[in-house]
C-alpha cells in the first residue's frame, strides 16, 4: 500500500528529518518522470527522510515566453491524480511567477530547496534545467550541493523504441495521432476529459447514440481530428468505444464536435464527466455523399474499434 500524498501549495511541510527532493514541470508524468519519482521514494525510505516533489503551475514557459508555451499533456488536476499513485510523501505546487523566473539557480536552491524544504539529497532527470533562462543544470547543482551540503544524483533517460522518452516526444506523437507511441512513453493511454452535453441527437437517429462531450482543455493538447478507438471511463465503469473528433462535413453547417459512442451501453449520462482514453487513430474525418454511406462507414468504424480494443486488451499486461 502506497503512502498518501499530502498536497501543499507553499511552505509548511515538516522538514525535521530532511528531504529527498526532485524538481521539474513533470508535464505528462511519463515513464521517465516515474523513474525519478521512484528513485526519490526509494532513497527517502532508505535514509528515513521525506520524499518531496516540487513542480510548477502554470508551466514556466507560459510566464517566460507565452508564444512558445507548449500545450499541456496533463492539467494540474490530472497531474495530482497521477502523482497520488506515486507513494511520495509530499507534492509541492509552486506558483510560477515573473519574479520566480528571474531567480538565479543558487538563489532558487537556497530559498526554496534549502530554506523551505531542508533538502539533503536532490534527484533530477538527465535533461533537467532550472533557474533563470534554465541556466542551471546537473553540473551547476553539483557545485551548489558541494558548497551548501547536499547530494545531487542524476537519473538516466528511460527509453521506448530505443529513443529517450520526453514530454516533447509525447506531444509530437499525440499531435500526429500516434496514440500507441504516446501510450508506450506515458505508461498509460493519453486521455482527455469532457462533460456530456445535449447535442442534436443525430447519432441516435442514425443508430449510433453518442455522448456529446464539451471539452474545456485548459491549455491541454487535443489529438488531431479523426475517428479513434477509445475507452470511456465513467462513474459506472470502463466501456469500449469509438470517438469522432472534429468537423462534420457530411452535415453542412454543423459545428465541429467530440462524439463518443460507447459499445454495449445505454444509460443517461448527461452532465457526467467522462475520461476518454485514446487507443488508436482509425481514420481521418471524411465527407460522405449520403447518410446511408455515412452509416455504413460508422458500422465499419465500430467493428474496427472492437477489433483494435480486443487486441489491446490481450497485449497489455
C-alpha atoms as a PDB file:
ATOM      1  CA  UNK A   1       0.000   0.000   0.000  1.00  0.00           C
ATOM      2  CA  UNK A   2       1.413   3.375  -1.001  1.00  0.00           C
ATOM      3  CA  UNK A   3       1.686   6.305   1.367  1.00  0.00           C
ATOM      4  CA  UNK A   4      -0.873   9.026   0.915  1.00  0.00           C
ATOM      5  CA  UNK A   5       0.249  12.185  -0.811  1.00  0.00           C
ATOM      6  CA  UNK A   6      -0.446  15.427   1.011  1.00  0.00           C
ATOM      7  CA  UNK A   7      -0.857  18.357  -1.322  1.00  0.00           C
ATOM      8  CA  UNK A   8       0.937  21.544  -0.368  1.00  0.00           C
ATOM      9  CA  UNK A   9       0.842  24.821  -2.263  1.00  0.00           C
ATOM     10  CA  UNK A  10       3.654  26.501  -0.435  1.00  0.00           C
ATOM     11  CA  UNK A  11       5.936  26.097   2.583  1.00  0.00           C
ATOM     12  CA  UNK A  12       4.817  24.276   5.676  1.00  0.00           C
ATOM     13  CA  UNK A  13       5.788  20.625   5.303  1.00  0.00           C
ATOM     14  CA  UNK A  14       7.741  19.068   8.205  1.00  0.00           C
ATOM     15  CA  UNK A  15      11.469  19.123   7.443  1.00  0.00           C
ATOM     16  CA  UNK A  16      12.860  17.823  10.726  1.00  0.00           C
ATOM     17  CA  UNK A  17      14.067  14.580   9.083  1.00  0.00           C
ATOM     18  CA  UNK A  18      15.427  16.263   5.984  1.00  0.00           C
ATOM     19  CA  UNK A  19      14.096  15.622   2.498  1.00  0.00           C
ATOM     20  CA  UNK A  20      14.916  13.901  -0.767  1.00  0.00           C
ATOM     21  CA  UNK A  21      13.636  16.271  -3.446  1.00  0.00           C
ATOM     22  CA  UNK A  22      13.085  16.374  -7.182  1.00  0.00           C
ATOM     23  CA  UNK A  23      12.143  19.494  -9.150  1.00  0.00           C
ATOM     24  CA  UNK A  24      10.554  19.930 -12.569  1.00  0.00           C
ATOM     25  CA  UNK A  25       7.435  20.638 -14.594  1.00  0.00           C
ATOM     26  CA  UNK A  26       6.668  16.900 -14.909  1.00  0.00           C
ATOM     27  CA  UNK A  27       4.186  17.522 -17.718  1.00  0.00           C
ATOM     28  CA  UNK A  28       2.690  14.155 -18.595  1.00  0.00           C
ATOM     29  CA  UNK A  29       4.256  12.381 -15.603  1.00  0.00           C
ATOM     30  CA  UNK A  30       5.635   9.911 -18.145  1.00  0.00           C
ATOM     31  CA  UNK A  31       7.792   6.826 -17.617  1.00  0.00           C
ATOM     32  CA  UNK A  32      10.965   8.900 -17.460  1.00  0.00           C
ATOM     33  CA  UNK A  33       9.445  11.072 -14.740  1.00  0.00           C
ATOM     34  CA  UNK A  34       8.221   7.957 -12.959  1.00  0.00           C
ATOM     35  CA  UNK A  35      11.780   6.622 -12.761  1.00  0.00           C
ATOM     36  CA  UNK A  36      12.824   9.821 -10.950  1.00  0.00           C
ATOM     37  CA  UNK A  37       9.879   9.630  -8.566  1.00  0.00           C
ATOM     38  CA  UNK A  38      10.557   6.023  -7.653  1.00  0.00           C
ATOM     39  CA  UNK A  39      14.214   6.851  -7.106  1.00  0.00           C
ATOM     40  CA  UNK A  40      13.462   9.618  -4.591  1.00  0.00           C
ATOM     41  CA  UNK A  41      10.911   7.402  -2.869  1.00  0.00           C
ATOM     42  CA  UNK A  42      13.468   4.592  -2.531  1.00  0.00           C
ATOM     43  CA  UNK A  43      16.202   6.923  -1.290  1.00  0.00           C
ATOM     44  CA  UNK A  44      13.871   8.533   1.236  1.00  0.00           C
ATOM     45  CA  UNK A  45      12.844   5.127   2.581  1.00  0.00           C
ATOM     46  CA  UNK A  46      16.475   4.071   2.867  1.00  0.00           C
ATOM     47  CA  UNK A  47      17.565   7.176   4.770  1.00  0.00           C
ATOM     48  CA  UNK A  48      14.445   7.941   6.818  1.00  0.00           C
ATOM     49  CA  UNK A  49      13.901  11.241   5.011  1.00  0.00           C
ATOM     50  CA  UNK A  50      10.713  12.582   3.449  1.00  0.00           C
ATOM     51  CA  UNK A  51      10.208  12.350  -0.315  1.00  0.00           C
ATOM     52  CA  UNK A  52       9.129  15.627  -1.932  1.00  0.00           C
ATOM     53  CA  UNK A  53       8.297  16.594  -5.493  1.00  0.00           C
ATOM     54  CA  UNK A  54       8.422  20.289  -6.403  1.00  0.00           C
ATOM     55  CA  UNK A  55       6.560  21.268  -9.551  1.00  0.00           C
ATOM     56  CA  UNK A  56       5.151  24.448 -11.059  1.00  0.00           C
ATOM     57  CA  UNK A  57       1.801  25.892 -12.055  1.00  0.00           C
ATOM     58  CA  UNK A  58       1.467  27.401 -14.584  1.00  0.00           C
ATOM     59  CA  UNK A  59       4.028  25.869 -16.924  1.00  0.00           C
ATOM     60  CA  UNK A  60       7.109  28.148 -16.743  1.00  0.00           C
ATOM     61  CA  UNK A  61       7.056  28.939 -20.470  1.00  0.00           C
ATOM     62  CA  UNK A  62       3.558  30.403 -20.110  1.00  0.00           C
ATOM     63  CA  UNK A  63       5.176  33.103 -17.984  1.00  0.00           C
ATOM     64  CA  UNK A  64       8.606  33.439 -19.586  1.00  0.00           C
ATOM     65  CA  UNK A  65       7.749  33.016 -23.294  1.00  0.00           C
ATOM     66  CA  UNK A  66       3.979  32.611 -23.711  1.00  0.00           C
ATOM     67  CA  UNK A  67       4.241  32.387 -27.504  1.00  0.00           C
ATOM     68  CA  UNK A  68       6.437  29.293 -27.135  1.00  0.00           C
ATOM     69  CA  UNK A  69       4.490  27.604 -24.329  1.00  0.00           C
ATOM     70  CA  UNK A  70       3.558  24.052 -25.320  1.00  0.00           C
ATOM     71  CA  UNK A  71       0.070  22.616 -24.896  1.00  0.00           C
ATOM     72  CA  UNK A  72      -0.146  20.542 -21.731  1.00  0.00           C
ATOM     73  CA  UNK A  73      -0.103  16.772 -21.602  1.00  0.00           C
ATOM     74  CA  UNK A  74      -1.579  16.911 -18.090  1.00  0.00           C
ATOM     75  CA  UNK A  75      -3.588  19.626 -16.400  1.00  0.00           C
ATOM     76  CA  UNK A  76      -2.747  20.351 -12.735  1.00  0.00           C
ATOM     77  CA  UNK A  77      -5.737  18.245 -11.648  1.00  0.00           C
ATOM     78  CA  UNK A  78      -4.662  15.310 -13.805  1.00  0.00           C
ATOM     79  CA  UNK A  79      -1.095  15.625 -12.565  1.00  0.00           C
ATOM     80  CA  UNK A  80      -2.264  15.407  -8.950  1.00  0.00           C
ATOM     81  CA  UNK A  81      -4.352  12.321  -9.668  1.00  0.00           C
ATOM     82  CA  UNK A  82      -1.418  10.551 -11.315  1.00  0.00           C
ATOM     83  CA  UNK A  83       1.020  11.569  -8.590  1.00  0.00           C
ATOM     84  CA  UNK A  84      -1.365  10.241  -5.942  1.00  0.00           C
ATOM     85  CA  UNK A  85      -0.256   6.767  -7.074  1.00  0.00           C
ATOM     86  CA  UNK A  86       3.449   7.548  -6.672  1.00  0.00           C
ATOM     87  CA  UNK A  87       3.793   6.883  -2.948  1.00  0.00           C
ATOM     88  CA  UNK A  88       5.557  10.212  -2.372  1.00  0.00           C
ATOM     89  CA  UNK A  89       5.158  11.970   0.969  1.00  0.00           C
ATOM     90  CA  UNK A  90       4.556  15.426  -0.491  1.00  0.00           C
ATOM     91  CA  UNK A  91       3.983  17.230  -3.771  1.00  0.00           C
ATOM     92  CA  UNK A  92       4.583  20.980  -3.641  1.00  0.00           C
ATOM     93  CA  UNK A  93       2.919  23.031  -6.380  1.00  0.00           C
ATOM     94  CA  UNK A  94       4.829  26.313  -6.633  1.00  0.00           C
ATOM     95  CA  UNK A  95       3.163  29.274  -8.337  1.00  0.00           C
ATOM     96  CA  UNK A  96       5.489  30.184 -11.178  1.00  0.00           C
ATOM     97  CA  UNK A  97       5.694  33.964 -11.486  1.00  0.00           C
ATOM     98  CA  UNK A  98       7.852  36.502 -13.297  1.00  0.00           C
ATOM     99  CA  UNK A  99       9.693  37.091 -10.027  1.00  0.00           C
ATOM    100  CA  UNK A 100      10.493  33.406  -9.672  1.00  0.00           C
ATOM    101  CA  UNK A 101      11.584  33.245 -13.316  1.00  0.00           C
ATOM    102  CA  UNK A 102      14.352  35.728 -12.530  1.00  0.00           C
ATOM    103  CA  UNK A 103      15.845  33.635  -9.732  1.00  0.00           C
ATOM    104  CA  UNK A 104      19.399  32.527 -10.390  1.00  0.00           C
ATOM    105  CA  UNK A 105      19.957  28.798  -9.749  1.00  0.00           C
ATOM    106  CA  UNK A 106      21.728  29.335  -6.422  1.00  0.00           C
ATOM    107  CA  UNK A 107      19.011  31.619  -5.104  1.00  0.00           C
ATOM    108  CA  UNK A 108      16.319  29.082  -6.016  1.00  0.00           C
ATOM    109  CA  UNK A 109      18.218  26.364  -4.179  1.00  0.00           C
ATOM    110  CA  UNK A 110      18.878  28.498  -1.110  1.00  0.00           C
ATOM    111  CA  UNK A 111      15.384  29.952  -0.744  1.00  0.00           C
ATOM    112  CA  UNK A 112      13.174  27.089  -1.906  1.00  0.00           C
ATOM    113  CA  UNK A 113      15.025  23.797  -1.628  1.00  0.00           C
ATOM    114  CA  UNK A 114      17.086  24.555   1.452  1.00  0.00           C
ATOM    115  CA  UNK A 115      15.184  27.357   3.153  1.00  0.00           C
ATOM    116  CA  UNK A 116      11.725  25.809   2.879  1.00  0.00           C
ATOM    117  CA  UNK A 117      12.342  22.104   2.294  1.00  0.00           C
ATOM    118  CA  UNK A 118      15.626  21.351   4.064  1.00  0.00           C
ATOM    119  CA  UNK A 119      16.882  19.304   1.119  1.00  0.00           C
ATOM    120  CA  UNK A 120      19.598  16.795   1.913  1.00  0.00           C
ATOM    121  CA  UNK A 121      19.515  14.947  -1.390  1.00  0.00           C
ATOM    122  CA  UNK A 122      18.377  16.216  -4.783  1.00  0.00           C
ATOM    123  CA  UNK A 123      17.470  13.792  -7.573  1.00  0.00           C
ATOM    124  CA  UNK A 124      16.922  15.114 -11.095  1.00  0.00           C
ATOM    125  CA  UNK A 125      16.379  13.796 -14.601  1.00  0.00           C
ATOM    126  CA  UNK A 126      19.212  13.766 -17.110  1.00  0.00           C
ATOM    127  CA  UNK A 127      17.843  16.752 -19.069  1.00  0.00           C
ATOM    128  CA  UNK A 128      16.896  18.925 -16.107  1.00  0.00           C
ATOM    129  CA  UNK A 129      17.335  22.688 -16.372  1.00  0.00           C
ATOM    130  CA  UNK A 130      16.276  25.292 -13.819  1.00  0.00           C
ATOM    131  CA  UNK A 131      16.743  28.874 -12.715  1.00  0.00           C
ATOM    132  CA  UNK A 132      16.840  31.972 -14.867  1.00  0.00           C
ATOM    133  CA  UNK A 133      16.863  31.043 -18.576  1.00  0.00           C
ATOM    134  CA  UNK A 134      17.357  27.407 -17.477  1.00  0.00           C
ATOM    135  CA  UNK A 135      20.961  28.330 -16.729  1.00  0.00           C
ATOM    136  CA  UNK A 136      21.219  25.670 -14.031  1.00  0.00           C
ATOM    137  CA  UNK A 137      21.957  22.054 -14.914  1.00  0.00           C
ATOM    138  CA  UNK A 138      23.312  18.930 -13.215  1.00  0.00           C
ATOM    139  CA  UNK A 139      26.859  20.313 -13.057  1.00  0.00           C
ATOM    140  CA  UNK A 140      25.632  23.606 -11.584  1.00  0.00           C
ATOM    141  CA  UNK A 141      23.615  21.737  -8.971  1.00  0.00           C
ATOM    142  CA  UNK A 142      26.538  19.531  -8.013  1.00  0.00           C
ATOM    143  CA  UNK A 143      28.702  22.626  -7.462  1.00  0.00           C
ATOM    144  CA  UNK A 144      25.989  24.249  -5.348  1.00  0.00           C
ATOM    145  CA  UNK A 145      25.456  20.994  -3.461  1.00  0.00           C
ATOM    146  CA  UNK A 146      29.128  20.796  -2.518  1.00  0.00           C
ATOM    147  CA  UNK A 147      29.007  24.385  -1.216  1.00  0.00           C
ATOM    148  CA  UNK A 148      25.737  24.036   0.680  1.00  0.00           C
ATOM    149  CA  UNK A 149      25.933  20.449   1.861  1.00  0.00           C
ATOM    150  CA  UNK A 150      23.509  18.283  -0.092  1.00  0.00           C
ATOM    151  CA  UNK A 151      23.994  15.433  -2.555  1.00  0.00           C
ATOM    152  CA  UNK A 152      22.895  15.512  -6.196  1.00  0.00           C
ATOM    153  CA  UNK A 153      22.044  12.432  -8.246  1.00  0.00           C
ATOM    154  CA  UNK A 154      21.011  12.239 -11.900  1.00  0.00           C
ATOM    155  CA  UNK A 155      18.628   9.575 -13.209  1.00  0.00           C
ATOM    156  CA  UNK A 156      19.488   8.465 -16.762  1.00  0.00           C
ATOM    157  CA  UNK A 157      16.908   8.570 -19.566  1.00  0.00           C
ATOM    158  CA  UNK A 158      14.252   5.906 -19.893  1.00  0.00           C
ATOM    159  CA  UNK A 159      13.785   4.705 -23.457  1.00  0.00           C
ATOM    160  CA  UNK A 160      10.922   3.457 -25.584  1.00  0.00           C
ATOM    161  CA  UNK A 161      11.698   2.025 -29.016  1.00  0.00           C
ATOM    162  CA  UNK A 162      15.408   2.852 -28.499  1.00  0.00           C
ATOM    163  CA  UNK A 163      14.660   6.573 -28.088  1.00  0.00           C
ATOM    164  CA  UNK A 164      14.635   8.634 -24.907  1.00  0.00           C
ATOM    165  CA  UNK A 165      11.199   9.425 -23.520  1.00  0.00           C
ATOM    166  CA  UNK A 166      10.420  13.123 -23.134  1.00  0.00           C
ATOM    167  CA  UNK A 167       7.369  15.352 -22.903  1.00  0.00           C
ATOM    168  CA  UNK A 168       8.339  16.885 -26.267  1.00  0.00           C
ATOM    169  CA  UNK A 169       8.374  13.479 -27.928  1.00  0.00           C
ATOM    170  CA  UNK A 170       4.981  12.592 -26.457  1.00  0.00           C
ATOM    171  CA  UNK A 171       3.480  15.891 -27.642  1.00  0.00           C
ATOM    172  CA  UNK A 172       4.640  15.132 -31.171  1.00  0.00           C
ATOM    173  CA  UNK A 173       3.157  11.646 -31.001  1.00  0.00           C
ATOM    174  CA  UNK A 174      -0.223  12.887 -29.747  1.00  0.00           C
ATOM    175  CA  UNK A 175      -0.328  15.800 -32.220  1.00  0.00           C
ATOM    176  CA  UNK A 176       0.229  13.348 -35.085  1.00  0.00           C
ATOM    177  CA  UNK A 177      -2.225  10.736 -33.851  1.00  0.00           C
ATOM    178  CA  UNK A 178       0.409   8.167 -32.858  1.00  0.00           C
ATOM    179  CA  UNK A 179      -1.519   7.104 -29.788  1.00  0.00           C
ATOM    180  CA  UNK A 180       0.260   3.774 -29.287  1.00  0.00           C
ATOM    181  CA  UNK A 181       3.639   5.526 -29.112  1.00  0.00           C
ATOM    182  CA  UNK A 182       2.200   8.017 -26.619  1.00  0.00           C
ATOM    183  CA  UNK A 183       0.948   5.070 -24.515  1.00  0.00           C
ATOM    184  CA  UNK A 184       4.371   3.395 -24.532  1.00  0.00           C
ATOM    185  CA  UNK A 185       6.041   6.606 -23.398  1.00  0.00           C
ATOM    186  CA  UNK A 186       3.451   7.603 -20.799  1.00  0.00           C
ATOM    187  CA  UNK A 187       2.914   4.130 -19.410  1.00  0.00           C
ATOM    188  CA  UNK A 188      -0.837   4.663 -19.841  1.00  0.00           C
ATOM    189  CA  UNK A 189      -3.181   5.856 -22.611  1.00  0.00           C
ATOM    190  CA  UNK A 190      -3.297   9.545 -23.432  1.00  0.00           C
ATOM    191  CA  UNK A 191      -6.605  10.905 -22.170  1.00  0.00           C
ATOM    192  CA  UNK A 192      -8.943  13.877 -22.475  1.00  0.00           C
ATOM    193  CA  UNK A 193     -11.909  14.728 -20.260  1.00  0.00           C
ATOM    194  CA  UNK A 194     -15.248  16.240 -21.135  1.00  0.00           C
ATOM    195  CA  UNK A 195     -18.714  16.872 -19.773  1.00  0.00           C
ATOM    196  CA  UNK A 196     -21.610  15.125 -21.523  1.00  0.00           C
ATOM    197  CA  UNK A 197     -23.939  17.747 -23.012  1.00  0.00           C
ATOM    198  CA  UNK A 198     -27.016  17.589 -25.201  1.00  0.00           C
ATOM    199  CA  UNK A 199     -26.336  17.593 -28.914  1.00  0.00           C
ATOM    200  CA  UNK A 200     -28.523  17.453 -31.988  1.00  0.00           C
ATOM    201  CA  UNK A 201     -29.495  13.816 -31.388  1.00  0.00           C
ATOM    202  CA  UNK A 202     -28.345  12.884 -34.881  1.00  0.00           C
ATOM    203  CA  UNK A 203     -26.277   9.907 -33.720  1.00  0.00           C
ATOM    204  CA  UNK A 204     -29.290   8.236 -32.157  1.00  0.00           C
ATOM    205  CA  UNK A 205     -31.283   8.813 -35.358  1.00  0.00           C
ATOM    206  CA  UNK A 206     -28.523   7.035 -37.281  1.00  0.00           C
ATOM    207  CA  UNK A 207     -28.481   4.074 -34.902  1.00  0.00           C
ATOM    208  CA  UNK A 208     -25.333   5.136 -33.059  1.00  0.00           C
ATOM    209  CA  UNK A 209     -26.334   7.118 -29.965  1.00  0.00           C
ATOM    210  CA  UNK A 210     -23.367   9.223 -28.956  1.00  0.00           C
ATOM    211  CA  UNK A 211     -22.393  11.227 -25.905  1.00  0.00           C
ATOM    212  CA  UNK A 212     -21.523  14.746 -26.990  1.00  0.00           C
ATOM    213  CA  UNK A 213     -18.594  15.975 -24.940  1.00  0.00           C
ATOM    214  CA  UNK A 214     -17.779  19.562 -24.055  1.00  0.00           C
ATOM    215  CA  UNK A 215     -14.020  19.575 -23.691  1.00  0.00           C
ATOM    216  CA  UNK A 216     -12.579  22.601 -21.909  1.00  0.00           C
ATOM    217  CA  UNK A 217      -8.934  21.684 -22.164  1.00  0.00           C
ATOM    218  CA  UNK A 218      -7.404  24.490 -20.095  1.00  0.00           C
ATOM    219  CA  UNK A 219      -4.448  24.534 -22.454  1.00  0.00           C
ATOM    220  CA  UNK A 220      -4.331  20.742 -22.793  1.00  0.00           C
ATOM    221  CA  UNK A 221      -3.170  19.144 -26.041  1.00  0.00           C
ATOM    222  CA  UNK A 222      -6.105  17.726 -28.018  1.00  0.00           C
ATOM    223  CA  UNK A 223      -5.357  14.971 -30.569  1.00  0.00           C
ATOM    224  CA  UNK A 224      -5.943  15.756 -34.250  1.00  0.00           C
ATOM    225  CA  UNK A 225      -9.331  15.447 -35.910  1.00  0.00           C
ATOM    226  CA  UNK A 226     -10.249  11.898 -36.759  1.00  0.00           C
ATOM    227  CA  UNK A 227     -12.005   8.712 -35.742  1.00  0.00           C
ATOM    228  CA  UNK A 228     -10.452   6.804 -32.834  1.00  0.00           C
ATOM    229  CA  UNK A 229     -10.746   3.534 -30.960  1.00  0.00           C
ATOM    230  CA  UNK A 230     -11.096   4.626 -27.337  1.00  0.00           C
ATOM    231  CA  UNK A 231     -12.254   3.671 -23.893  1.00  0.00           C
ATOM    232  CA  UNK A 232     -14.691   5.791 -21.934  1.00  0.00           C
ATOM    233  CA  UNK A 233     -14.227   5.902 -18.181  1.00  0.00           C
ATOM    234  CA  UNK A 234     -17.459   6.769 -16.358  1.00  0.00           C
ATOM    235  CA  UNK A 235     -18.607   6.589 -12.769  1.00  0.00           C
ATOM    236  CA  UNK A 236     -20.214   3.242 -13.562  1.00  0.00           C
ATOM    237  CA  UNK A 237     -17.148   1.695 -15.170  1.00  0.00           C
ATOM    238  CA  UNK A 238     -14.978   1.489 -18.274  1.00  0.00           C
ATOM    239  CA  UNK A 239     -16.511   0.879 -21.708  1.00  0.00           C
ATOM    240  CA  UNK A 240     -15.072   0.280 -25.162  1.00  0.00           C
ATOM    241  CA  UNK A 241     -15.941   2.929 -27.689  1.00  0.00           C
ATOM    242  CA  UNK A 242     -15.328   4.842 -30.889  1.00  0.00           C
ATOM    243  CA  UNK A 243     -14.823   8.601 -30.960  1.00  0.00           C
ATOM    244  CA  UNK A 244     -15.452  11.243 -33.607  1.00  0.00           C
ATOM    245  CA  UNK A 245     -13.287  14.310 -33.058  1.00  0.00           C
ATOM    246  CA  UNK A 246     -13.503  17.349 -35.316  1.00  0.00           C
ATOM    247  CA  UNK A 247     -15.665  18.665 -38.172  1.00  0.00           C
ATOM    248  CA  UNK A 248     -18.816  17.020 -39.529  1.00  0.00           C
ATOM    249  CA  UNK A 249     -18.552  17.679 -43.274  1.00  0.00           C
ATOM    250  CA  UNK A 250     -21.457  15.408 -44.253  1.00  0.00           C
ATOM    251  CA  UNK A 251     -23.873  17.744 -42.456  1.00  0.00           C
ATOM    252  CA  UNK A 252     -23.369  21.218 -43.850  1.00  0.00           C
ATOM    253  CA  UNK A 253     -23.354  23.965 -41.241  1.00  0.00           C
ATOM    254  CA  UNK A 254     -22.820  21.620 -38.307  1.00  0.00           C
ATOM    255  CA  UNK A 255     -20.080  22.753 -35.919  1.00  0.00           C
ATOM    256  CA  UNK A 256     -17.126  20.519 -35.014  1.00  0.00           C
ATOM    257  CA  UNK A 257     -17.872  18.072 -32.236  1.00  0.00           C
ATOM    258  CA  UNK A 258     -16.469  15.450 -29.890  1.00  0.00           C
ATOM    259  CA  UNK A 259     -18.875  12.496 -30.034  1.00  0.00           C
ATOM    260  CA  UNK A 260     -18.330   9.309 -28.066  1.00  0.00           C
ATOM    261  CA  UNK A 261     -20.110   6.081 -28.984  1.00  0.00           C
ATOM    262  CA  UNK A 262     -19.915   3.541 -26.152  1.00  0.00           C
ATOM    263  CA  UNK A 263     -20.395  -0.078 -27.148  1.00  0.00           C
ATOM    264  CA  UNK A 264     -22.975  -2.205 -25.378  1.00  0.00           C
ATOM    265  CA  UNK A 265     -24.017   0.772 -23.278  1.00  0.00           C
ATOM    266  CA  UNK A 266     -27.348   2.526 -22.816  1.00  0.00           C
ATOM    267  CA  UNK A 267     -27.754   4.938 -19.922  1.00  0.00           C
ATOM    268  CA  UNK A 268     -28.440   8.605 -19.305  1.00  0.00           C
ATOM    269  CA  UNK A 269     -25.103  10.267 -18.505  1.00  0.00           C
ATOM    270  CA  UNK A 270     -25.935  13.903 -19.257  1.00  0.00           C
ATOM    271  CA  UNK A 271     -23.867  16.196 -17.064  1.00  0.00           C
ATOM    272  CA  UNK A 272     -21.367  13.487 -16.146  1.00  0.00           C
ATOM    273  CA  UNK A 273     -17.635  13.924 -16.665  1.00  0.00           C
ATOM    274  CA  UNK A 274     -16.134  11.261 -18.912  1.00  0.00           C
ATOM    275  CA  UNK A 275     -12.468  10.467 -19.373  1.00  0.00           C
ATOM    276  CA  UNK A 276     -11.605   9.300 -22.863  1.00  0.00           C
ATOM    277  CA  UNK A 277      -8.524   7.090 -23.198  1.00  0.00           C
ATOM    278  CA  UNK A 278      -7.196   7.165 -26.768  1.00  0.00           C
ATOM    279  CA  UNK A 279      -6.070   3.750 -28.001  1.00  0.00           C
ATOM    280  CA  UNK A 280      -5.672   4.067 -31.782  1.00  0.00           C
ATOM    281  CA  UNK A 281      -6.295   6.535 -34.597  1.00  0.00           C
ATOM    282  CA  UNK A 282      -8.532   4.802 -37.138  1.00  0.00           C
ATOM    283  CA  UNK A 283      -9.029   7.248 -39.991  1.00  0.00           C
ATOM    284  CA  UNK A 284      -9.440  10.927 -40.909  1.00  0.00           C
ATOM    285  CA  UNK A 285     -12.793  12.695 -40.919  1.00  0.00           C
ATOM    286  CA  UNK A 286     -14.310  12.376 -44.391  1.00  0.00           C
ATOM    287  CA  UNK A 287     -17.352  13.798 -46.185  1.00  0.00           C
ATOM    288  CA  UNK A 288     -19.950  11.321 -47.444  1.00  0.00           C
ATOM    289  CA  UNK A 289     -22.369  11.697 -50.338  1.00  0.00           C
ATOM    290  CA  UNK A 290     -25.296  10.306 -48.376  1.00  0.00           C
ATOM    291  CA  UNK A 291     -26.415   9.488 -44.858  1.00  0.00           C
ATOM    292  CA  UNK A 292     -26.527   5.819 -45.889  1.00  0.00           C
ATOM    293  CA  UNK A 293     -22.846   5.911 -46.844  1.00  0.00           C
ATOM    294  CA  UNK A 294     -22.011   7.550 -43.516  1.00  0.00           C
ATOM    295  CA  UNK A 295     -23.922   4.899 -41.547  1.00  0.00           C
ATOM    296  CA  UNK A 296     -22.152   2.149 -43.479  1.00  0.00           C
ATOM    297  CA  UNK A 297     -18.785   3.679 -42.606  1.00  0.00           C
ATOM    298  CA  UNK A 298     -19.774   4.171 -38.955  1.00  0.00           C
ATOM    299  CA  UNK A 299     -20.610   0.471 -38.732  1.00  0.00           C
ATOM    300  CA  UNK A 300     -17.188  -0.352 -40.166  1.00  0.00           C
ATOM    301  CA  UNK A 301     -15.514   2.053 -37.721  1.00  0.00           C
ATOM    302  CA  UNK A 302     -17.193   0.476 -34.707  1.00  0.00           C
ATOM    303  CA  UNK A 303     -16.289  -3.032 -35.915  1.00  0.00           C
ATOM    304  CA  UNK A 304     -12.659  -1.996 -36.386  1.00  0.00           C
ATOM    305  CA  UNK A 305     -12.606  -0.305 -32.985  1.00  0.00           C
ATOM    306  CA  UNK A 306     -13.880  -3.539 -31.391  1.00  0.00           C
ATOM    307  CA  UNK A 307     -11.064  -5.485 -33.031  1.00  0.00           C
ATOM    308  CA  UNK A 308      -8.422  -2.938 -32.017  1.00  0.00           C
ATOM    309  CA  UNK A 309      -9.600  -2.838 -28.421  1.00  0.00           C
ATOM    310  CA  UNK A 310      -9.761  -6.632 -28.180  1.00  0.00           C
ATOM    311  CA  UNK A 311      -6.147  -6.837 -29.380  1.00  0.00           C
ATOM    312  CA  UNK A 312      -5.174  -4.055 -26.972  1.00  0.00           C
ATOM    313  CA  UNK A 313      -6.766  -5.968 -24.094  1.00  0.00           C
ATOM    314  CA  UNK A 314      -4.670  -9.021 -24.896  1.00  0.00           C
ATOM    315  CA  UNK A 315      -1.453  -7.083 -25.489  1.00  0.00           C
ATOM    316  CA  UNK A 316      -1.390  -5.038 -22.292  1.00  0.00           C
ATOM    317  CA  UNK A 317      -0.122  -6.602 -19.066  1.00  0.00           C
END
